[in-house]
Amino acid sequence: MPFDPSSSVSSSASGSGRSVPSGPWRDGDFRRLWAGQTASQLGEHAGLVILPLIAVLTLDADAGRLGVLRAVGQAPALLLSLLVGAWVDRWCTRTVMVLADFGRALALGAVAAAGLLGVLGLPVLFVVAFVVGTLSVFFDVAYQTSLVRLVKRDQLVRGNSALEGSRSAAQTGGPALGGMLVSLLSAPLAAAPSALLFALSFLSIRRIRRDEPVLRHPGRPPRVRQRILEGLRFVVGHPVLRTVGLASAAFQFSFAAVMTVQLLFLTRELHLSGTAVGMALAATGPGALLGSLLAARLPGRLGHGAVLVSAAVLGDGVMLCVPALHGPPAVTVPALMAVNFAFGAFGQLVNVTVMAVRQAATPDEMQGRVAATINFAGMGLAPIGSLLGGLLTQEWALRTTLLVTAAGMMLSPALMALSPLARLGRVLPTPRT
């Protein structure tokens, strides 16, 4: 969510009369949640690049197998998101998060160990990708639900700003970190630092002390199916949240196809080394920082709808430049860095702003199910996009396939522009009961 620049008020700290910042940052449990979530998201999104690069560079996987690997890792979002949303609304989120971190650390550690022992193959990567993807679904729904239970209502905006800013930065900076790790280490060993990030998240989140007010129903609790249907009906019946889900689905489907093709395009068409790929992807990090700064100011001045549509057009549209690149690395790497910087900046602006809209429009008791429903709508199509990217690459030239899949990303801002989401003003929507 957008950062609130007026996040400090004068108050007394232990009778000293000093001015201290107000808001969730004064809460030690919130700081532990933020630190753990940041490490976990960075480890997750670094792993999304590390595993495919291991397949391409170490195991010489072709486009079809690479598409299958990415689809296997993304399939849990399609298969489990709705169930997880119904469960997490009634579970202790801290327990869910620490178990998910522990399992992912073990899974990626197993990749590094298999590489050292010389027994690493595609079947191992498929299993690890599915395990990590499954546990990531649990973690992502749980952390989005945990803040509502952890902080006061008037701290939700700033708390979500911090958490979603970290998530968005990890979505762009994590792949850059993964590319650099593969360049600095042998590809299988690059999984070890990602496992370490999950371990750090585990250590931080398990130190949260506050008991959670988990929702309890008098009498017999509703069945899981009923709770899932409640979440689906709420999102489908809400014009703004429905558009968020559809736009997310369009983006994630096309972006998954783009990433499958782009990994092959950069290494085999542009002949870039792992180091060069890491440098190009790393530019998304500074871009995401700029996007966070813009998200703190622009929606409140220009309107949330206008910012969402324009940022999505610019961020998704800039990817159309990548298929046009030719020449030696001295030319293509700076151009890729510029593209990724812009993509990171505008993508971060969209992510933070749309999370603010979603959180504000959702009642507290529906947060887990709404998060899971939109995650299902978006990430659920990602495995299909990955498979499509791999299949198209086998039929068409890499450059043509990348252009077609990048053009598909423009469907997301088109859906936003034609919906009530585009008409949102400076004030966020209120929850609909």
Protein backbone atom coordinates (compact mmCIF):
# COMPACT_ATOMS: atom_id res chain seq x y z
CA MET A 1 0.00 0.00 0.00
CA PRO A 2 1.17 3.59 -0.42
CA PHE A 3 3.49 4.87 2.25
CA ASP A 4 1.97 7.56 4.45
CA PRO A 5 4.40 10.51 4.67
CA SER A 6 2.66 11.76 7.80
CA SER A 7 3.67 8.72 9.84
CA SER A 8 5.07 10.59 12.84
CA VAL A 9 3.36 12.35 15.70
CA SER A 10 4.66 13.84 18.91
CA SER A 11 4.35 11.53 21.88
CA SER A 12 6.21 10.78 25.06
CA ALA A 13 8.56 7.83 25.19
CA SER A 14 9.01 6.49 28.70
CA GLY A 15 8.47 9.98 30.10
CA SER A 16 11.44 11.43 28.21
CA GLY A 17 9.30 13.88 26.22
CA ARG A 18 11.05 12.90 23.00
CA SER A 19 9.15 12.77 19.70
CA VAL A 20 8.89 9.18 18.47
CA PRO A 21 7.26 7.80 15.37
CA SER A 22 3.73 6.56 15.61
CA GLY A 23 2.49 3.47 13.86
CA PRO A 24 3.40 -0.20 13.52
CA TRP A 25 7.18 0.35 13.45
CA ARG A 26 7.11 0.89 17.23
CA ASP A 27 5.72 -2.63 17.60
CA GLY A 28 8.44 -5.27 17.97
CA ASP A 29 6.15 -8.04 16.72
CA PHE A 30 5.40 -6.07 13.56
CA ARG A 31 9.12 -5.54 12.94
CA ARG A 32 9.68 -9.28 13.30
CA LEU A 33 6.87 -10.01 10.87
CA TRP A 34 8.22 -7.47 8.37
CA ALA A 35 11.80 -8.78 8.59
CA GLY A 36 10.68 -12.38 8.20
CA GLN A 37 8.30 -11.63 5.36
CA THR A 38 10.97 -9.63 3.53
CA ALA A 39 13.52 -12.45 3.78
CA SER A 40 10.94 -15.05 2.80
CA GLN A 41 9.70 -13.15 -0.24
CA LEU A 42 13.26 -12.52 -1.41
CA GLY A 43 14.11 -16.21 -1.05
CA GLU A 44 10.93 -17.23 -2.89
CA HIS A 45 11.43 -14.96 -5.90
CA ALA A 46 15.16 -15.66 -6.13
CA GLY A 47 14.30 -19.36 -6.23
CA LEU A 48 11.88 -18.78 -9.12
CA VAL A 49 14.90 -17.87 -11.26
CA ILE A 50 17.49 -20.15 -9.69
CA LEU A 51 15.64 -23.41 -10.38
CA PRO A 52 14.99 -22.66 -14.09
CA LEU A 53 18.59 -21.48 -14.57
CA ILE A 54 19.84 -24.71 -12.99
CA ALA A 55 17.68 -26.60 -15.49
CA VAL A 56 18.99 -24.58 -18.46
CA LEU A 57 22.67 -24.14 -17.55
CA THR A 58 23.41 -27.35 -15.63
CA LEU A 59 20.93 -29.88 -17.02
CA ASP A 60 20.62 -28.40 -20.54
CA ALA A 61 16.82 -28.41 -20.43
CA ASP A 62 15.01 -27.43 -23.64
CA ALA A 63 12.10 -24.98 -23.87
CA GLY A 64 9.45 -27.65 -23.31
CA ARG A 65 11.02 -29.00 -20.11
CA LEU A 66 11.67 -25.48 -18.86
CA GLY A 67 8.00 -24.62 -19.36
CA VAL A 68 6.96 -27.77 -17.49
CA LEU A 69 9.32 -26.96 -14.59
CA ARG A 70 7.91 -23.47 -14.21
CA ALA A 71 4.36 -24.79 -14.50
CA VAL A 72 4.97 -27.39 -11.78
CA GLY A 73 6.16 -24.67 -9.40
CA GLN A 74 3.17 -22.46 -10.17
CA ALA A 75 0.51 -25.20 -10.15
CA PRO A 76 -0.11 -25.08 -6.36
CA ALA A 77 -1.53 -21.56 -6.73
CA LEU A 78 -4.17 -23.02 -9.04
CA LEU A 79 -4.79 -26.17 -7.03
CA LEU A 80 -4.63 -24.94 -3.44
CA SER A 81 -5.19 -21.18 -3.13
CA LEU A 82 -8.92 -21.34 -2.38
CA LEU A 83 -8.52 -24.14 0.17
CA VAL A 84 -5.64 -22.37 1.88
CA GLY A 85 -7.64 -19.13 2.13
CA ALA A 86 -10.49 -20.93 3.89
CA TRP A 87 -8.09 -22.69 6.28
CA VAL A 88 -5.89 -19.73 7.14
CA ASP A 89 -8.86 -17.60 8.23
CA ARG A 90 -9.24 -20.10 11.11
CA TRP A 91 -5.57 -20.95 11.86
CA CYS A 92 -2.72 -19.25 13.68
CA THR A 93 -0.86 -17.49 10.88
CA ARG A 94 2.46 -17.46 12.74
CA THR A 95 2.47 -21.27 12.84
CA VAL A 96 1.60 -21.48 9.15
CA MET A 97 4.43 -19.10 8.19
CA VAL A 98 7.19 -20.74 10.24
CA LEU A 99 6.31 -24.23 8.99
CA ALA A 100 6.26 -22.97 5.39
CA ASP A 101 9.67 -21.33 5.84
CA PHE A 102 11.16 -24.44 7.43
CA GLY A 103 9.91 -26.68 4.63
CA ARG A 104 11.16 -24.40 1.85
CA ALA A 105 14.59 -24.09 3.45
CA LEU A 106 14.88 -27.90 3.54
CA ALA A 107 13.69 -28.26 -0.07
CA LEU A 108 16.19 -25.76 -1.54
CA GLY A 109 18.94 -27.09 0.69
CA ALA A 110 18.26 -30.49 -0.85
CA VAL A 111 18.94 -29.04 -4.32
CA ALA A 112 22.36 -27.77 -3.24
CA ALA A 113 23.14 -31.10 -1.57
CA ALA A 114 22.07 -33.08 -4.64
CA GLY A 115 24.32 -30.89 -6.79
CA LEU A 116 27.31 -31.53 -4.55
CA LEU A 117 26.63 -35.28 -4.57
CA GLY A 118 26.19 -35.39 -8.35
CA VAL A 119 22.66 -36.79 -8.22
CA LEU A 120 20.77 -33.68 -9.31
CA GLY A 121 18.36 -34.18 -12.22
CA LEU A 122 15.14 -32.77 -13.57
CA PRO A 123 12.94 -35.08 -11.43
CA VAL A 124 14.53 -33.59 -8.29
CA LEU A 125 13.88 -30.06 -9.57
CA PHE A 126 10.25 -30.92 -10.37
CA VAL A 127 9.65 -32.21 -6.83
CA VAL A 128 11.39 -29.26 -5.19
CA ALA A 129 9.56 -26.75 -7.40
CA PHE A 130 6.19 -28.24 -6.42
CA VAL A 131 7.04 -28.35 -2.70
CA VAL A 132 8.32 -24.77 -2.67
CA GLY A 133 5.31 -23.60 -4.67
CA THR A 134 2.87 -25.31 -2.30
CA LEU A 135 4.45 -23.87 0.84
CA SER A 136 4.66 -20.43 -0.76
CA VAL A 137 0.88 -20.43 -1.25
CA PHE A 138 0.44 -21.08 2.49
CA PHE A 139 2.96 -18.39 3.46
CA ASP A 140 1.63 -15.72 1.10
CA VAL A 141 -1.99 -16.06 2.23
CA ALA A 142 -0.94 -16.27 5.89
CA TYR A 143 1.19 -13.13 5.98
CA GLN A 144 -1.51 -11.09 4.23
CA THR A 145 -3.97 -12.24 6.91
CA SER A 146 -1.60 -11.89 9.88
CA LEU A 147 -1.31 -8.11 9.85
CA VAL A 148 -5.05 -7.64 10.41
CA ARG A 149 -4.71 -9.71 13.59
CA LEU A 150 -1.44 -8.16 14.70
CA VAL A 151 -1.87 -4.38 14.58
CA LYS A 152 -4.60 -1.83 15.33
CA ARG A 153 -7.02 -0.82 12.61
CA ASP A 154 -5.53 2.67 12.28
CA GLN A 155 -2.10 1.12 11.61
CA LEU A 156 -3.19 -1.13 8.75
CA VAL A 157 -2.40 1.33 5.97
CA ARG A 158 1.20 1.88 7.06
CA GLY A 159 1.68 -1.77 7.98
CA ASN A 160 0.48 -2.93 4.59
CA SER A 161 2.65 -0.30 2.92
CA ALA A 162 5.73 -1.88 4.46
CA LEU A 163 4.75 -5.51 3.81
CA GLU A 164 3.55 -5.01 0.26
CA GLY A 165 6.48 -2.76 -0.55
CA SER A 166 8.78 -5.62 0.48
CA ARG A 167 6.81 -8.13 -1.54
CA SER A 168 6.82 -5.99 -4.65
CA ALA A 169 10.53 -5.26 -4.30
CA ALA A 170 11.19 -8.99 -3.92
CA GLN A 171 9.16 -9.76 -7.03
CA THR A 172 11.52 -7.58 -9.02
CA GLY A 173 14.76 -7.77 -7.02
CA GLY A 174 14.54 -11.48 -6.21
CA PRO A 175 15.07 -12.63 -9.81
CA ALA A 176 18.05 -10.29 -10.05
CA LEU A 177 19.53 -11.81 -6.90
CA GLY A 178 18.90 -15.31 -8.26
CA GLY A 179 20.67 -14.50 -11.53
CA MET A 180 23.71 -13.08 -9.71
CA LEU A 181 23.91 -16.07 -7.35
CA VAL A 182 23.94 -18.46 -10.31
CA SER A 183 26.76 -16.37 -11.83
CA LEU A 184 28.85 -16.25 -8.65
CA LEU A 185 28.33 -19.87 -7.61
CA SER A 186 27.80 -23.05 -9.54
CA ALA A 187 24.11 -23.21 -10.46
CA PRO A 188 23.03 -25.91 -7.93
CA LEU A 189 24.91 -24.20 -5.08
CA ALA A 190 23.01 -20.98 -5.77
CA ALA A 191 20.01 -22.63 -4.09
CA ALA A 192 21.79 -22.57 -0.72
CA PRO A 193 21.59 -18.77 -0.14
CA SER A 194 17.91 -18.87 -1.03
CA ALA A 195 17.42 -21.61 1.58
CA LEU A 196 19.27 -19.41 4.08
CA LEU A 197 16.81 -16.58 3.47
CA PHE A 198 13.93 -18.90 4.39
CA ALA A 199 15.81 -19.93 7.53
CA LEU A 200 16.23 -16.27 8.52
CA SER A 201 12.51 -15.72 8.00
CA PHE A 202 11.75 -18.74 10.18
CA LEU A 203 13.92 -17.36 13.00
CA SER A 204 12.34 -13.92 12.83
CA ILE A 205 8.66 -14.89 12.61
CA ARG A 206 8.84 -17.53 15.34
CA ARG A 207 9.85 -14.75 17.76
CA ILE A 208 6.46 -13.02 17.40
CA ARG A 209 5.01 -13.10 20.91
CA ARG A 210 1.47 -11.79 20.60
CA ASP A 211 -1.42 -14.25 20.59
CA GLU A 212 -3.65 -14.01 17.55
CA PRO A 213 -7.40 -13.42 17.84
CA VAL A 214 -8.31 -16.29 15.50
CA LEU A 215 -11.89 -16.13 14.22
CA ARG A 216 -14.20 -18.58 16.03
CA HIS A 217 -17.73 -19.47 14.99
CA PRO A 218 -20.40 -20.29 17.57
CA GLY A 219 -21.60 -23.82 17.15
CA ARG A 220 -20.48 -25.85 14.20
CA PRO A 221 -18.09 -23.90 11.95
CA PRO A 222 -18.97 -23.51 8.26
CA ARG A 223 -17.60 -26.16 5.97
CA VAL A 224 -14.54 -25.37 3.91
CA ARG A 225 -16.56 -25.47 0.71
CA GLN A 226 -19.00 -22.91 2.07
CA ARG A 227 -16.18 -20.59 3.14
CA ILE A 228 -14.52 -20.86 -0.28
CA LEU A 229 -17.81 -20.02 -2.00
CA GLU A 230 -18.28 -17.01 0.29
CA GLY A 231 -14.90 -15.65 -0.77
CA LEU A 232 -15.58 -16.29 -4.45
CA ARG A 233 -19.01 -14.65 -4.32
CA PHE A 234 -17.64 -11.63 -2.51
CA VAL A 235 -14.90 -11.01 -5.09
CA VAL A 236 -17.13 -11.73 -8.11
CA GLY A 237 -19.88 -9.48 -6.76
CA HIS A 238 -17.55 -6.56 -6.01
CA PRO A 239 -16.85 -4.58 -9.22
CA VAL A 240 -13.47 -3.28 -8.07
CA LEU A 241 -12.16 -6.57 -6.62
CA ARG A 242 -13.50 -8.46 -9.64
CA THR A 243 -11.43 -6.23 -11.91
CA VAL A 244 -8.36 -6.69 -9.71
CA GLY A 245 -8.72 -10.45 -10.08
CA LEU A 246 -9.24 -10.35 -13.86
CA ALA A 247 -6.37 -7.91 -14.45
CA SER A 248 -4.11 -10.01 -12.22
CA ALA A 249 -5.05 -13.15 -14.16
CA ALA A 250 -4.27 -11.50 -17.50
CA PHE A 251 -0.95 -10.17 -16.28
CA GLN A 252 0.27 -13.34 -14.56
CA PHE A 253 -0.70 -15.54 -17.50
CA SER A 254 1.21 -13.41 -20.01
CA PHE A 255 4.12 -12.64 -17.69
CA ALA A 256 4.68 -16.33 -16.97
CA ALA A 257 4.92 -16.97 -20.71
CA VAL A 258 7.25 -13.98 -21.13
CA MET A 259 9.63 -15.16 -18.40
CA THR A 260 9.83 -18.68 -19.82
CA VAL A 261 10.75 -17.30 -23.24
CA GLN A 262 12.96 -14.49 -21.95
CA LEU A 263 15.30 -16.79 -20.01
CA LEU A 264 16.02 -18.62 -23.26
CA PHE A 265 16.12 -15.41 -25.34
CA LEU A 266 18.75 -13.76 -23.14
CA THR A 267 21.05 -16.76 -22.98
CA ARG A 268 20.64 -18.27 -26.46
CA GLU A 269 19.61 -15.41 -28.75
CA LEU A 270 21.55 -12.53 -27.17
CA HIS A 271 24.28 -14.90 -25.88
CA LEU A 272 24.46 -13.26 -22.45
CA SER A 273 26.34 -14.86 -19.58
CA GLY A 274 24.77 -15.51 -16.20
CA THR A 275 26.55 -12.42 -14.87
CA ALA A 276 25.11 -10.25 -17.64
CA VAL A 277 21.62 -11.63 -17.04
CA GLY A 278 21.99 -10.89 -13.33
CA MET A 279 23.13 -7.33 -14.04
CA ALA A 280 20.19 -6.71 -16.35
CA LEU A 281 17.65 -8.11 -13.89
CA ALA A 282 19.27 -6.27 -10.96
CA ALA A 283 18.10 -2.94 -12.40
CA THR A 284 14.59 -3.80 -11.26
CA GLY A 285 15.70 -3.23 -7.65
CA PRO A 286 16.37 0.53 -7.94
CA GLY A 287 13.27 0.75 -10.12
CA ALA A 288 11.17 -0.84 -7.38
CA LEU A 289 12.54 1.66 -4.86
CA LEU A 290 11.44 4.51 -7.12
CA GLY A 291 8.05 2.85 -7.51
CA SER A 292 7.63 2.74 -3.72
CA LEU A 293 8.39 6.44 -3.47
CA LEU A 294 5.89 7.23 -6.23
CA ALA A 295 3.23 5.04 -4.57
CA ALA A 296 3.53 7.14 -1.42
CA ARG A 297 2.39 10.27 -3.25
CA LEU A 298 0.81 9.80 -6.66
CA PRO A 299 -2.44 7.90 -5.82
CA GLY A 300 -3.43 10.52 -3.23
CA ARG A 301 -2.79 13.33 -5.70
CA LEU A 302 -3.87 11.93 -9.07
CA GLY A 303 -6.37 9.29 -7.99
CA HIS A 304 -5.86 5.56 -7.50
CA GLY A 305 -7.55 4.59 -10.77
CA ALA A 306 -5.55 6.95 -12.95
CA VAL A 307 -2.28 5.84 -11.38
CA LEU A 308 -3.10 2.15 -11.76
CA VAL A 309 -4.02 2.36 -15.44
CA SER A 310 -1.18 4.62 -16.54
CA ALA A 311 1.47 2.75 -14.55
CA ALA A 312 0.27 -0.61 -15.91
CA VAL A 313 0.39 0.68 -19.50
CA LEU A 314 3.92 2.00 -19.09
CA GLY A 315 5.27 -0.93 -17.06
CA ASP A 316 3.83 -3.67 -19.25
CA GLY A 317 4.42 -1.78 -22.47
CA VAL A 318 8.13 -1.35 -21.88
CA MET A 319 8.57 -5.14 -22.17
CA LEU A 320 7.76 -4.82 -25.87
CA CYS A 321 11.22 -3.29 -26.30
CA VAL A 322 13.06 -6.50 -25.35
CA PRO A 323 12.37 -8.49 -28.57
CA ALA A 324 13.78 -5.59 -30.61
CA LEU A 325 17.23 -5.80 -29.00
CA HIS A 326 20.22 -6.77 -31.16
CA GLY A 327 23.95 -6.43 -30.90
CA PRO A 328 26.78 -7.23 -28.51
CA PRO A 329 26.39 -7.29 -24.70
CA ALA A 330 27.86 -3.79 -24.48
CA VAL A 331 24.70 -2.59 -26.24
CA THR A 332 22.03 -5.02 -25.06
CA VAL A 333 22.87 -5.14 -21.34
CA PRO A 334 22.45 -1.36 -20.74
CA ALA A 335 19.24 -1.43 -22.78
CA LEU A 336 17.93 -4.36 -20.73
CA MET A 337 18.85 -2.55 -17.53
CA ALA A 338 16.82 0.47 -18.65
CA VAL A 339 13.84 -1.72 -19.54
CA ASN A 340 13.97 -3.57 -16.22
CA PHE A 341 14.37 -0.33 -14.27
CA ALA A 342 11.18 1.03 -15.85
CA PHE A 343 9.38 -2.30 -15.42
CA GLY A 344 10.39 -2.41 -11.75
CA ALA A 345 9.32 1.16 -11.07
CA PHE A 346 5.90 1.01 -12.71
CA GLY A 347 5.29 -2.57 -11.60
CA GLN A 348 5.99 -1.62 -7.98
CA LEU A 349 3.65 1.35 -8.29
CA VAL A 350 0.86 -0.92 -9.56
CA ASN A 351 1.45 -3.63 -6.94
CA VAL A 352 1.47 -1.30 -3.95
CA THR A 353 -1.52 0.72 -5.15
CA VAL A 354 -3.68 -2.28 -6.03
CA MET A 355 -2.93 -3.86 -2.65
CA ALA A 356 -4.13 -0.68 -0.94
CA VAL A 357 -7.36 -0.87 -2.92
CA ARG A 358 -7.88 -4.56 -2.17
CA GLN A 359 -7.19 -4.28 1.56
CA ALA A 360 -9.40 -1.20 1.95
CA ALA A 361 -12.34 -2.78 0.10
CA THR A 362 -12.28 -6.04 2.10
CA PRO A 363 -13.80 -6.63 5.57
CA ASP A 364 -11.40 -8.00 8.19
CA GLU A 365 -13.09 -11.39 8.40
CA MET A 366 -12.72 -11.91 4.63
CA GLN A 367 -9.07 -10.88 4.24
CA GLY A 368 -7.67 -14.42 3.91
CA ARG A 369 -10.32 -15.62 1.47
CA VAL A 370 -10.20 -12.51 -0.70
CA ALA A 371 -6.38 -12.67 -0.83
CA ALA A 372 -6.56 -16.35 -1.77
CA THR A 373 -9.30 -15.82 -4.37
CA ILE A 374 -7.35 -13.07 -6.15
CA ASN A 375 -4.17 -15.12 -5.84
CA PHE A 376 -6.03 -18.04 -7.38
CA ALA A 377 -7.31 -15.88 -10.24
CA GLY A 378 -3.86 -14.46 -10.93
CA MET A 379 -1.25 -17.07 -10.13
CA GLY A 380 -3.61 -19.91 -11.03
CA LEU A 381 -3.13 -19.12 -14.71
CA ALA A 382 0.65 -18.75 -14.42
CA PRO A 383 1.44 -22.47 -14.97
CA ILE A 384 -0.66 -22.44 -18.13
CA GLY A 385 1.22 -19.36 -19.31
CA SER A 386 4.56 -21.04 -18.64
CA LEU A 387 3.53 -24.11 -20.60
CA LEU A 388 2.28 -21.94 -23.46
CA GLY A 389 5.56 -20.02 -23.56
CA GLY A 390 7.51 -23.26 -23.81
CA LEU A 391 5.23 -24.68 -26.51
CA LEU A 392 5.28 -21.51 -28.63
CA THR A 393 9.07 -21.40 -28.43
CA GLN A 394 9.23 -24.86 -29.96
CA GLU A 395 7.08 -23.70 -32.90
CA TRP A 396 8.23 -20.11 -33.46
CA ALA A 397 11.47 -18.18 -33.33
CA LEU A 398 12.46 -16.89 -29.89
CA ARG A 399 12.17 -13.25 -30.94
CA THR A 400 8.68 -13.72 -32.40
CA THR A 401 7.46 -15.65 -29.37
CA LEU A 402 8.76 -13.01 -26.98
CA LEU A 403 7.03 -10.25 -28.92
CA VAL A 404 3.67 -12.07 -28.94
CA THR A 405 3.77 -12.94 -25.24
CA ALA A 406 4.89 -9.43 -24.26
CA ALA A 407 2.00 -7.97 -26.28
CA GLY A 408 -0.35 -10.19 -24.27
CA MET A 409 0.65 -8.31 -21.11
CA MET A 410 -1.20 -5.25 -22.40
CA LEU A 411 -4.54 -6.98 -21.76
CA SER A 412 -4.17 -6.25 -18.04
CA PRO A 413 -4.19 -2.42 -18.29
CA ALA A 414 -6.93 -2.67 -20.92
CA LEU A 415 -9.17 -4.49 -18.42
CA MET A 416 -8.41 -1.86 -15.78
CA ALA A 417 -9.18 1.02 -18.14
CA LEU A 418 -12.61 -0.41 -19.04
CA SER A 419 -13.71 -1.00 -15.43
CA PRO A 420 -14.79 0.93 -12.32
CA LEU A 421 -11.23 0.52 -11.05
CA ALA A 422 -10.11 3.25 -13.45
CA ARG A 423 -12.58 5.69 -11.90
CA LEU A 424 -11.31 5.40 -8.32
CA GLY A 425 -10.37 8.79 -6.97
CA ARG A 426 -8.03 9.94 -4.26
CA VAL A 427 -9.99 8.24 -1.46
CA LEU A 428 -9.82 4.47 -1.09
CA PRO A 429 -13.06 2.44 -1.15
CA THR A 430 -14.61 1.28 2.11
CA PRO A 431 -15.39 -2.36 2.94
CA ARG A 432 -18.66 -3.76 1.63
CA THR A 433 -20.40 -6.10 4.05
